[in-house]
Amino acid sequence: MQAIELNDPAEICEFLQNIALSGNGFNTECLLLEVLEAGLDYPDFLKAEGEDANASYKGKMPAWEKYHVRQGKRVFMVYGGSGARRTHFSETP
């Protein structure tokens, strides 16, 4: 998969609502819901890269392996791919 970067909050939300993750570790039917639950309600940066056979975009597999979503100083990441996917949230002071 070709890496993608987005900076428009509306485009980021539309993109994330079409990502589903299955397999080992962290799973979701809609990545946008997980991002919102982490407290990023107006994300201003997204980078997706890599390839994960257990991820889908608009119902088509494969999709990206790593997701880095940022809103100001808050960052939500999904990484690990099909091996053992996990999430990480951080907030810098």
PDB file of N, CA and C in Angstrom:
ATOM      1  N   MET A   1       0.843  -1.179   0.000  1.00  0.00           N
ATOM      2  CA  MET A   1       0.000   0.000   0.000  1.00  0.00           C
ATOM      3  C   MET A   1       0.888   1.242   0.000  1.00  0.00           C
ATOM      4  N   GLN A   2       0.463   2.217  -0.722  1.00  0.00           N
ATOM      5  CA  GLN A   2       1.186   3.479  -0.755  1.00  0.00           C
ATOM      6  C   GLN A   2       0.812   4.302   0.477  1.00  0.00           C
ATOM      7  N   ALA A   3       1.799   4.912   1.116  1.00  0.00           N
ATOM      8  CA  ALA A   3       1.553   5.740   2.299  1.00  0.00           C
ATOM      9  C   ALA A   3       0.647   6.907   1.933  1.00  0.00           C
ATOM     10  N   ILE A   4      -0.157   7.334   2.908  1.00  0.00           N
ATOM     11  CA  ILE A   4      -1.068   8.446   2.690  1.00  0.00           C
ATOM     12  C   ILE A   4      -0.966   9.405   3.866  1.00  0.00           C
ATOM     13  N   GLU A   5      -1.008  10.713   3.578  1.00  0.00           N
ATOM     14  CA  GLU A   5      -1.035  11.746   4.610  1.00  0.00           C
ATOM     15  C   GLU A   5      -2.194  12.675   4.318  1.00  0.00           C
ATOM     16  N   LEU A   6      -2.962  12.983   5.365  1.00  0.00           N
ATOM     17  CA  LEU A   6      -4.086  13.905   5.243  1.00  0.00           C
ATOM     18  C   LEU A   6      -3.973  14.972   6.320  1.00  0.00           C
ATOM     19  N   ASN A   7      -4.404  16.205   5.991  1.00  0.00           N
ATOM     20  CA  ASN A   7      -4.365  17.314   6.942  1.00  0.00           C
ATOM     21  C   ASN A   7      -5.715  17.982   7.127  1.00  0.00           C
ATOM     22  N   ASP A   8      -6.731  17.541   6.420  1.00  0.00           N
ATOM     23  CA  ASP A   8      -8.063  18.123   6.523  1.00  0.00           C
ATOM     24  C   ASP A   8      -8.910  17.272   7.474  1.00  0.00           C
ATOM     25  N   PRO A   9      -9.413  17.848   8.577  1.00  0.00           N
ATOM     26  CA  PRO A   9     -10.187  17.069   9.545  1.00  0.00           C
ATOM     27  C   PRO A   9     -11.378  16.316   8.945  1.00  0.00           C
ATOM     28  N   ALA A  10     -12.087  16.906   8.015  1.00  0.00           N
ATOM     29  CA  ALA A  10     -13.234  16.227   7.395  1.00  0.00           C
ATOM     30  C   ALA A  10     -12.772  15.022   6.573  1.00  0.00           C
ATOM     31  N   GLU A  11     -11.694  15.181   5.814  1.00  0.00           N
ATOM     32  CA  GLU A  11     -11.150  14.068   5.026  1.00  0.00           C
ATOM     33  C   GLU A  11     -10.624  12.955   5.932  1.00  0.00           C
ATOM     34  N   ILE A  12      -9.995  13.337   7.040  1.00  0.00           N
ATOM     35  CA  ILE A  12      -9.470  12.348   7.983  1.00  0.00           C
ATOM     36  C   ILE A  12     -10.612  11.521   8.569  1.00  0.00           C
ATOM     37  N   CYS A  13     -11.670  12.182   9.009  1.00  0.00           N
ATOM     38  CA  CYS A  13     -12.814  11.469   9.590  1.00  0.00           C
ATOM     39  C   CYS A  13     -13.470  10.551   8.566  1.00  0.00           C
ATOM     40  N   GLU A  14     -13.612  11.021   7.335  1.00  0.00           N
ATOM     41  CA  GLU A  14     -14.201  10.187   6.279  1.00  0.00           C
ATOM     42  C   GLU A  14     -13.320   8.962   6.011  1.00  0.00           C
ATOM     43  N   PHE A  15     -12.020   9.161   5.974  1.00  0.00           N
ATOM     44  CA  PHE A  15     -11.078   8.063   5.758  1.00  0.00           C
ATOM     45  C   PHE A  15     -11.178   7.032   6.885  1.00  0.00           C
ATOM     46  N   LEU A  16     -11.127   7.502   8.134  1.00  0.00           N
ATOM     47  CA  LEU A  16     -11.126   6.605   9.290  1.00  0.00           C
ATOM     48  C   LEU A  16     -12.422   5.818   9.434  1.00  0.00           C
ATOM     49  N   GLN A  17     -13.536   6.406   9.018  1.00  0.00           N
ATOM     50  CA  GLN A  17     -14.804   5.680   9.159  1.00  0.00           C
ATOM     51  C   GLN A  17     -14.888   4.492   8.215  1.00  0.00           C
ATOM     52  N   ASN A  18     -14.002   4.420   7.238  1.00  0.00           N
ATOM     53  CA  ASN A  18     -13.991   3.320   6.274  1.00  0.00           C
ATOM     54  C   ASN A  18     -12.924   2.263   6.562  1.00  0.00           C
ATOM     55  N   ILE A  19     -12.214   2.398   7.684  1.00  0.00           N
ATOM     56  CA  ILE A  19     -11.167   1.446   8.056  1.00  0.00           C
ATOM     57  C   ILE A  19     -11.712   0.448   9.074  1.00  0.00           C
ATOM     58  N   ALA A  20     -11.562  -0.837   8.779  1.00  0.00           N
ATOM     59  CA  ALA A  20     -11.913  -1.917   9.709  1.00  0.00           C
ATOM     60  C   ALA A  20     -10.677  -2.785   9.913  1.00  0.00           C
ATOM     61  N   LEU A  21     -10.451  -3.199  11.154  1.00  0.00           N
ATOM     62  CA  LEU A  21      -9.282  -3.999  11.494  1.00  0.00           C
ATOM     63  C   LEU A  21      -9.721  -5.293  12.162  1.00  0.00           C
ATOM     64  N   SER A  22      -9.201  -6.418  11.679  1.00  0.00           N
ATOM     65  CA  SER A  22      -9.510  -7.720  12.278  1.00  0.00           C
ATOM     66  C   SER A  22      -8.212  -8.483  12.464  1.00  0.00           C
ATOM     67  N   GLY A  23      -8.286  -9.678  13.036  1.00  0.00           N
ATOM     68  CA  GLY A  23      -7.080 -10.470  13.258  1.00  0.00           C
ATOM     69  C   GLY A  23      -6.663 -10.443  14.706  1.00  0.00           C
ATOM     70  N   ASN A  24      -5.367 -10.660  14.968  1.00  0.00           N
ATOM     71  CA  ASN A  24      -4.841 -10.697  16.335  1.00  0.00           C
ATOM     72  C   ASN A  24      -4.666  -9.299  16.895  1.00  0.00           C
ATOM     73  N   GLY A  25      -4.880  -9.167  18.204  1.00  0.00           N
ATOM     74  CA  GLY A  25      -4.678  -7.888  18.872  1.00  0.00           C
ATOM     75  C   GLY A  25      -5.874  -6.975  18.723  1.00  0.00           C
ATOM     76  N   PHE A  26      -5.618  -5.688  18.612  1.00  0.00           N
ATOM     77  CA  PHE A  26      -6.656  -4.664  18.529  1.00  0.00           C
ATOM     78  C   PHE A  26      -7.496  -4.843  17.268  1.00  0.00           C
ATOM     79  N   ASN A  27      -8.822  -4.840  17.434  1.00  0.00           N
ATOM     80  CA  ASN A  27      -9.764  -4.962  16.319  1.00  0.00           C
ATOM     81  C   ASN A  27     -10.832  -3.888  16.423  1.00  0.00           C
ATOM     82  N   THR A  28     -11.376  -3.485  15.291  1.00  0.00           N
ATOM     83  CA  THR A  28     -12.488  -2.541  15.277  1.00  0.00           C
ATOM     84  C   THR A  28     -13.199  -2.628  13.937  1.00  0.00           C
ATOM     85  N   GLU A  29     -14.477  -2.342  13.948  1.00  0.00           N
ATOM     86  CA  GLU A  29     -15.238  -2.278  12.699  1.00  0.00           C
ATOM     87  C   GLU A  29     -15.195  -0.885  12.095  1.00  0.00           C
ATOM     88  N   CYS A  30     -14.794   0.110  12.905  1.00  0.00           N
ATOM     89  CA  CYS A  30     -14.724   1.497  12.438  1.00  0.00           C
ATOM     90  C   CYS A  30     -13.649   2.228  13.239  1.00  0.00           C
ATOM     91  N   LEU A  31     -12.517   2.497  12.628  1.00  0.00           N
ATOM     92  CA  LEU A  31     -11.403   3.131  13.330  1.00  0.00           C
ATOM     93  C   LEU A  31     -11.756   4.535  13.811  1.00  0.00           C
ATOM     94  N   LEU A  32     -12.652   5.221  13.133  1.00  0.00           N
ATOM     95  CA  LEU A  32     -13.052   6.564  13.559  1.00  0.00           C
ATOM     96  C   LEU A  32     -13.619   6.535  14.974  1.00  0.00           C
ATOM     97  N   LEU A  33     -14.421   5.545  15.305  1.00  0.00           N
ATOM     98  CA  LEU A  33     -15.007   5.462  16.646  1.00  0.00           C
ATOM     99  C   LEU A  33     -13.925   5.339  17.711  1.00  0.00           C
ATOM    100  N   GLU A  34     -12.884   4.593  17.432  1.00  0.00           N
ATOM    101  CA  GLU A  34     -11.784   4.426  18.388  1.00  0.00           C
ATOM    102  C   GLU A  34     -11.013   5.733  18.567  1.00  0.00           C
ATOM    103  N   VAL A  35     -10.825   6.469  17.481  1.00  0.00           N
ATOM    104  CA  VAL A  35     -10.127   7.752  17.541  1.00  0.00           C
ATOM    105  C   VAL A  35     -10.947   8.750  18.355  1.00  0.00           C
ATOM    106  N   LEU A  36     -12.251   8.795  18.118  1.00  0.00           N
ATOM    107  CA  LEU A  36     -13.124   9.692  18.878  1.00  0.00           C
ATOM    108  C   LEU A  36     -13.134   9.313  20.355  1.00  0.00           C
ATOM    109  N   GLU A  37     -13.171   8.027  20.638  1.00  0.00           N
ATOM    110  CA  GLU A  37     -13.168   7.548  22.022  1.00  0.00           C
ATOM    111  C   GLU A  37     -11.871   7.908  22.742  1.00  0.00           C
ATOM    112  N   ALA A  38     -10.787   8.013  22.006  1.00  0.00           N
ATOM    113  CA  ALA A  38      -9.496   8.409  22.582  1.00  0.00           C
ATOM    114  C   ALA A  38      -9.435   9.912  22.849  1.00  0.00           C
ATOM    115  N   GLY A  39     -10.463  10.659  22.444  1.00  0.00           N
ATOM    116  CA  GLY A  39     -10.517  12.089  22.715  1.00  0.00           C
ATOM    117  C   GLY A  39     -10.091  12.979  21.566  1.00  0.00           C
ATOM    118  N   LEU A  40      -9.859  12.425  20.405  1.00  0.00           N
ATOM    119  CA  LEU A  40      -9.485  13.224  19.243  1.00  0.00           C
ATOM    120  C   LEU A  40     -10.737  13.470  18.408  1.00  0.00           C
ATOM    121  N   ASP A  41     -11.460  14.537  18.726  1.00  0.00           N
ATOM    122  CA  ASP A  41     -12.720  14.800  18.037  1.00  0.00           C
ATOM    123  C   ASP A  41     -12.567  15.700  16.812  1.00  0.00           C
ATOM    124  N   TYR A  42     -11.378  16.247  16.598  1.00  0.00           N
ATOM    125  CA  TYR A  42     -11.121  17.093  15.427  1.00  0.00           C
ATOM    126  C   TYR A  42      -9.674  16.861  14.965  1.00  0.00           C
ATOM    127  N   PRO A  43      -9.368  15.627  14.516  1.00  0.00           N
ATOM    128  CA  PRO A  43      -7.983  15.301  14.144  1.00  0.00           C
ATOM    129  C   PRO A  43      -7.487  16.167  12.989  1.00  0.00           C
ATOM    130  N   ASP A  44      -6.244  16.670  13.127  1.00  0.00           N
ATOM    131  CA  ASP A  44      -5.711  17.566  12.098  1.00  0.00           C
ATOM    132  C   ASP A  44      -4.553  16.969  11.299  1.00  0.00           C
ATOM    133  N   PHE A  45      -4.188  15.714  11.596  1.00  0.00           N
ATOM    134  CA  PHE A  45      -3.124  15.058  10.832  1.00  0.00           C
ATOM    135  C   PHE A  45      -3.333  13.553  10.882  1.00  0.00           C
ATOM    136  N   LEU A  46      -3.150  12.898   9.745  1.00  0.00           N
ATOM    137  CA  LEU A  46      -3.208  11.439   9.675  1.00  0.00           C
ATOM    138  C   LEU A  46      -2.129  10.954   8.724  1.00  0.00           C
ATOM    139  N   LYS A  47      -1.432   9.908   9.146  1.00  0.00           N
ATOM    140  CA  LYS A  47      -0.496   9.226   8.259  1.00  0.00           C
ATOM    141  C   LYS A  47      -0.788   7.741   8.365  1.00  0.00           C
ATOM    142  N   ALA A  48      -0.968   7.089   7.236  1.00  0.00           N
ATOM    143  CA  ALA A  48      -1.186   5.643   7.180  1.00  0.00           C
ATOM    144  C   ALA A  48      -0.138   5.066   6.244  1.00  0.00           C
ATOM    145  N   GLU A  49       0.455   3.932   6.657  1.00  0.00           N
ATOM    146  CA  GLU A  49       1.500   3.321   5.840  1.00  0.00           C
ATOM    147  C   GLU A  49       1.569   1.825   6.090  1.00  0.00           C
ATOM    148  N   GLY A  50       2.328   1.138   5.272  1.00  0.00           N
ATOM    149  CA  GLY A  50       2.472  -0.307   5.384  1.00  0.00           C
ATOM    150  C   GLY A  50       1.292  -1.035   4.767  1.00  0.00           C
ATOM    151  N   GLU A  51       1.255  -2.351   4.937  1.00  0.00           N
ATOM    152  CA  GLU A  51       0.167  -3.163   4.385  1.00  0.00           C
ATOM    153  C   GLU A  51      -0.203  -4.258   5.370  1.00  0.00           C
ATOM    154  N   ASP A  52      -1.491  -4.390   5.645  1.00  0.00           N
ATOM    155  CA  ASP A  52      -2.008  -5.385   6.585  1.00  0.00           C
ATOM    156  C   ASP A  52      -3.126  -6.160   5.902  1.00  0.00           C
ATOM    157  N   ALA A  53      -2.929  -7.457   5.733  1.00  0.00           N
ATOM    158  CA  ALA A  53      -3.922  -8.301   5.062  1.00  0.00           C
ATOM    159  C   ALA A  53      -5.213  -8.433   5.857  1.00  0.00           C
ATOM    160  N   ASN A  54      -5.188  -8.112   7.167  1.00  0.00           N
ATOM    161  CA  ASN A  54      -6.380  -8.198   8.008  1.00  0.00           C
ATOM    162  C   ASN A  54      -7.053  -6.851   8.210  1.00  0.00           C
ATOM    163  N   ALA A  55      -6.663  -5.867   7.445  1.00  0.00           N
ATOM    164  CA  ALA A  55      -7.282  -4.546   7.505  1.00  0.00           C
ATOM    165  C   ALA A  55      -8.025  -4.304   6.197  1.00  0.00           C
ATOM    166  N   SER A  56      -9.128  -3.561   6.288  1.00  0.00           N
ATOM    167  CA  SER A  56      -9.872  -3.263   5.061  1.00  0.00           C
ATOM    168  C   SER A  56     -10.234  -1.786   4.993  1.00  0.00           C
ATOM    169  N   TYR A  57     -10.308  -1.282   3.774  1.00  0.00           N
ATOM    170  CA  TYR A  57     -10.727   0.090   3.489  1.00  0.00           C
ATOM    171  C   TYR A  57     -11.898   0.000   2.525  1.00  0.00           C
ATOM    172  N   LYS A  58     -13.034   0.507   2.955  1.00  0.00           N
ATOM    173  CA  LYS A  58     -14.276   0.429   2.171  1.00  0.00           C
ATOM    174  C   LYS A  58     -14.585  -1.011   1.782  1.00  0.00           C
ATOM    175  N   GLY A  59     -14.320  -1.937   2.710  1.00  0.00           N
ATOM    176  CA  GLY A  59     -14.628  -3.343   2.499  1.00  0.00           C
ATOM    177  C   GLY A  59     -13.624  -4.121   1.670  1.00  0.00           C
ATOM    178  N   LYS A  60     -12.575  -3.464   1.196  1.00  0.00           N
ATOM    179  CA  LYS A  60     -11.570  -4.138   0.361  1.00  0.00           C
ATOM    180  C   LYS A  60     -10.275  -4.336   1.142  1.00  0.00           C
ATOM    181  N   MET A  61      -9.751  -5.553   1.056  1.00  0.00           N
ATOM    182  CA  MET A  61      -8.490  -5.892   1.721  1.00  0.00           C
ATOM    183  C   MET A  61      -7.384  -5.992   0.685  1.00  0.00           C
ATOM    184  N   PRO A  62      -6.153  -5.712   0.998  1.00  0.00           N
ATOM    185  CA  PRO A  62      -5.646  -5.248   2.283  1.00  0.00           C
ATOM    186  C   PRO A  62      -5.773  -3.732   2.408  1.00  0.00           C
ATOM    187  N   ALA A  63      -5.485  -3.239   3.606  1.00  0.00           N
ATOM    188  CA  ALA A  63      -5.425  -1.797   3.845  1.00  0.00           C
ATOM    189  C   ALA A  63      -4.098  -1.519   4.557  1.00  0.00           C
ATOM    190  N   TRP A  64      -3.956  -0.362   5.110  1.00  0.00           N
ATOM    191  CA  TRP A  64      -2.696   0.056   5.716  1.00  0.00           C
ATOM    192  C   TRP A  64      -2.460  -0.649   7.043  1.00  0.00           C
ATOM    193  N   GLU A  65      -1.197  -0.723   7.416  1.00  0.00           N
ATOM    194  CA  GLU A  65      -0.781  -1.414   8.641  1.00  0.00           C
ATOM    195  C   GLU A  65      -0.691  -0.469   9.836  1.00  0.00           C
ATOM    196  N   LYS A  66      -0.139   0.728   9.645  1.00  0.00           N
ATOM    197  CA  LYS A  66       0.082   1.675  10.741  1.00  0.00           C
ATOM    198  C   LYS A  66      -0.723   2.942  10.507  1.00  0.00           C
ATOM    199  N   TYR A  67      -1.291   3.452  11.594  1.00  0.00           N
ATOM    200  CA  TYR A  67      -2.076   4.686  11.546  1.00  0.00           C
ATOM    201  C   TYR A  67      -1.576   5.609  12.643  1.00  0.00           C
ATOM    202  N   HIS A  68      -1.276   6.838  12.275  1.00  0.00           N
ATOM    203  CA  HIS A  68      -0.803   7.858  13.207  1.00  0.00           C
ATOM    204  C   HIS A  68      -1.774   9.027  13.061  1.00  0.00           C
ATOM    205  N   VAL A  69      -2.573   9.270  14.096  1.00  0.00           N
ATOM    206  CA  VAL A  69      -3.589  10.322  14.049  1.00  0.00           C
ATOM    207  C   VAL A  69      -3.260  11.338  15.135  1.00  0.00           C
ATOM    208  N   ARG A  70      -3.257  12.617  14.765  1.00  0.00           N
ATOM    209  CA  ARG A  70      -2.878  13.661  15.709  1.00  0.00           C
ATOM    210  C   ARG A  70      -3.925  14.766  15.745  1.00  0.00           C
ATOM    211  N   GLN A  71      -4.118  15.302  16.953  1.00  0.00           N
ATOM    212  CA  GLN A  71      -4.916  16.510  17.145  1.00  0.00           C
ATOM    213  C   GLN A  71      -4.163  17.362  18.147  1.00  0.00           C
ATOM    214  N   GLY A  72      -3.542  18.421  17.666  1.00  0.00           N
ATOM    215  CA  GLY A  72      -2.725  19.248  18.551  1.00  0.00           C
ATOM    216  C   GLY A  72      -1.594  18.424  19.146  1.00  0.00           C
ATOM    217  N   LYS A  73      -1.579  18.325  20.480  1.00  0.00           N
ATOM    218  CA  LYS A  73      -0.524  17.575  21.169  1.00  0.00           C
ATOM    219  C   LYS A  73      -0.950  16.157  21.526  1.00  0.00           C
ATOM    220  N   ARG A  74      -2.134  15.745  21.100  1.00  0.00           N
ATOM    221  CA  ARG A  74      -2.610  14.386  21.370  1.00  0.00           C
ATOM    222  C   ARG A  74      -2.370  13.505  20.154  1.00  0.00           C
ATOM    223  N   VAL A  75      -1.879  12.287  20.402  1.00  0.00           N
ATOM    224  CA  VAL A  75      -1.565  11.359  19.314  1.00  0.00           C
ATOM    225  C   VAL A  75      -2.152   9.986  19.630  1.00  0.00           C
ATOM    226  N   PHE A  76      -2.833   9.394  18.637  1.00  0.00           N
ATOM    227  CA  PHE A  76      -3.371   8.041  18.740  1.00  0.00           C
ATOM    228  C   PHE A  76      -2.737   7.236  17.616  1.00  0.00           C
ATOM    229  N   MET A  77      -2.119   6.095  17.972  1.00  0.00           N
ATOM    230  CA  MET A  77      -1.430   5.276  16.978  1.00  0.00           C
ATOM    231  C   MET A  77      -1.941   3.843  17.014  1.00  0.00           C
ATOM    232  N   VAL A  78      -2.024   3.247  15.846  1.00  0.00           N
ATOM    233  CA  VAL A  78      -2.311   1.825  15.704  1.00  0.00           C
ATOM    234  C   VAL A  78      -1.129   1.254  14.934  1.00  0.00           C
ATOM    235  N   TYR A  79      -0.531   0.192  15.470  1.00  0.00           N
ATOM    236  CA  TYR A  79       0.632  -0.387  14.802  1.00  0.00           C
ATOM    237  C   TYR A  79       0.735  -1.862  15.131  1.00  0.00           C
ATOM    238  N   GLY A  80       1.608  -2.562  14.455  1.00  0.00           N
ATOM    239  CA  GLY A  80       1.841  -3.973  14.708  1.00  0.00           C
ATOM    240  C   GLY A  80       1.329  -4.880  13.613  1.00  0.00           C
ATOM    241  N   GLY A  81       0.428  -4.403  12.785  1.00  0.00           N
ATOM    242  CA  GLY A  81      -0.060  -5.196  11.664  1.00  0.00           C
ATOM    243  C   GLY A  81      -0.770  -6.459  12.069  1.00  0.00           C
ATOM    244  N   SER A  82      -0.748  -7.435  11.195  1.00  0.00           N
ATOM    245  CA  SER A  82      -1.502  -8.665  11.416  1.00  0.00           C
ATOM    246  C   SER A  82      -0.882  -9.557  12.488  1.00  0.00           C
ATOM    247  N   GLY A  83       0.363  -9.304  12.893  1.00  0.00           N
ATOM    248  CA  GLY A  83       1.007 -10.116  13.927  1.00  0.00           C
ATOM    249  C   GLY A  83       0.322  -9.977  15.275  1.00  0.00           C
ATOM    250  N   ALA A  84       0.314  -8.798  15.823  1.00  0.00           N
ATOM    251  CA  ALA A  84      -0.336  -8.502  17.104  1.00  0.00           C
ATOM    252  C   ALA A  84      -0.570  -7.001  17.163  1.00  0.00           C
ATOM    253  N   ARG A  85      -1.613  -6.559  16.516  1.00  0.00           N
ATOM    254  CA  ARG A  85      -1.901  -5.130  16.411  1.00  0.00           C
ATOM    255  C   ARG A  85      -2.207  -4.540  17.789  1.00  0.00           C
ATOM    256  N   ARG A  86      -1.721  -3.336  18.040  1.00  0.00           N
ATOM    257  CA  ARG A  86      -1.972  -2.656  19.301  1.00  0.00           C
ATOM    258  C   ARG A  86      -2.115  -1.160  19.072  1.00  0.00           C
ATOM    259  N   THR A  87      -2.563  -0.474  20.117  1.00  0.00           N
ATOM    260  CA  THR A  87      -2.743   0.973  20.032  1.00  0.00           C
ATOM    261  C   THR A  87      -1.880   1.651  21.084  1.00  0.00           C
ATOM    262  N   HIS A  88      -1.658   2.930  20.865  1.00  0.00           N
ATOM    263  CA  HIS A  88      -0.921   3.739  21.833  1.00  0.00           C
ATOM    264  C   HIS A  88      -1.487   5.148  21.768  1.00  0.00           C
ATOM    265  N   PHE A  89      -1.696   5.747  22.932  1.00  0.00           N
ATOM    266  CA  PHE A  89      -2.172   7.123  23.015  1.00  0.00           C
ATOM    267  C   PHE A  89      -1.179   7.906  23.848  1.00  0.00           C
ATOM    268  N   SER A  90      -0.837   9.097  23.395  1.00  0.00           N
ATOM    269  CA  SER A  90       0.040   9.954  24.191  1.00  0.00           C
ATOM    270  C   SER A  90      -0.398  11.401  24.049  1.00  0.00           C
ATOM    271  N   GLU A  91      -0.064  12.166  25.076  1.00  0.00           N
ATOM    272  CA  GLU A  91      -0.372  13.594  25.067  1.00  0.00           C
ATOM    273  C   GLU A  91       0.828  14.315  25.647  1.00  0.00           C
ATOM    274  N   THR A  92       1.390  15.243  24.888  1.00  0.00           N
ATOM    275  CA  THR A  92       2.547  15.987  25.371  1.00  0.00           C
ATOM    276  C   THR A  92       2.076  17.257  26.059  1.00  0.00           C
ATOM    277  N   PRO A  93       2.767  17.659  27.098  1.00  0.00           N
ATOM    278  CA  PRO A  93       2.357  18.865  27.851  1.00  0.00           C
ATOM    279  C   PRO A  93       2.547  20.133  27.060  1.00  0.00           C
TER     280      PRO A  93
END
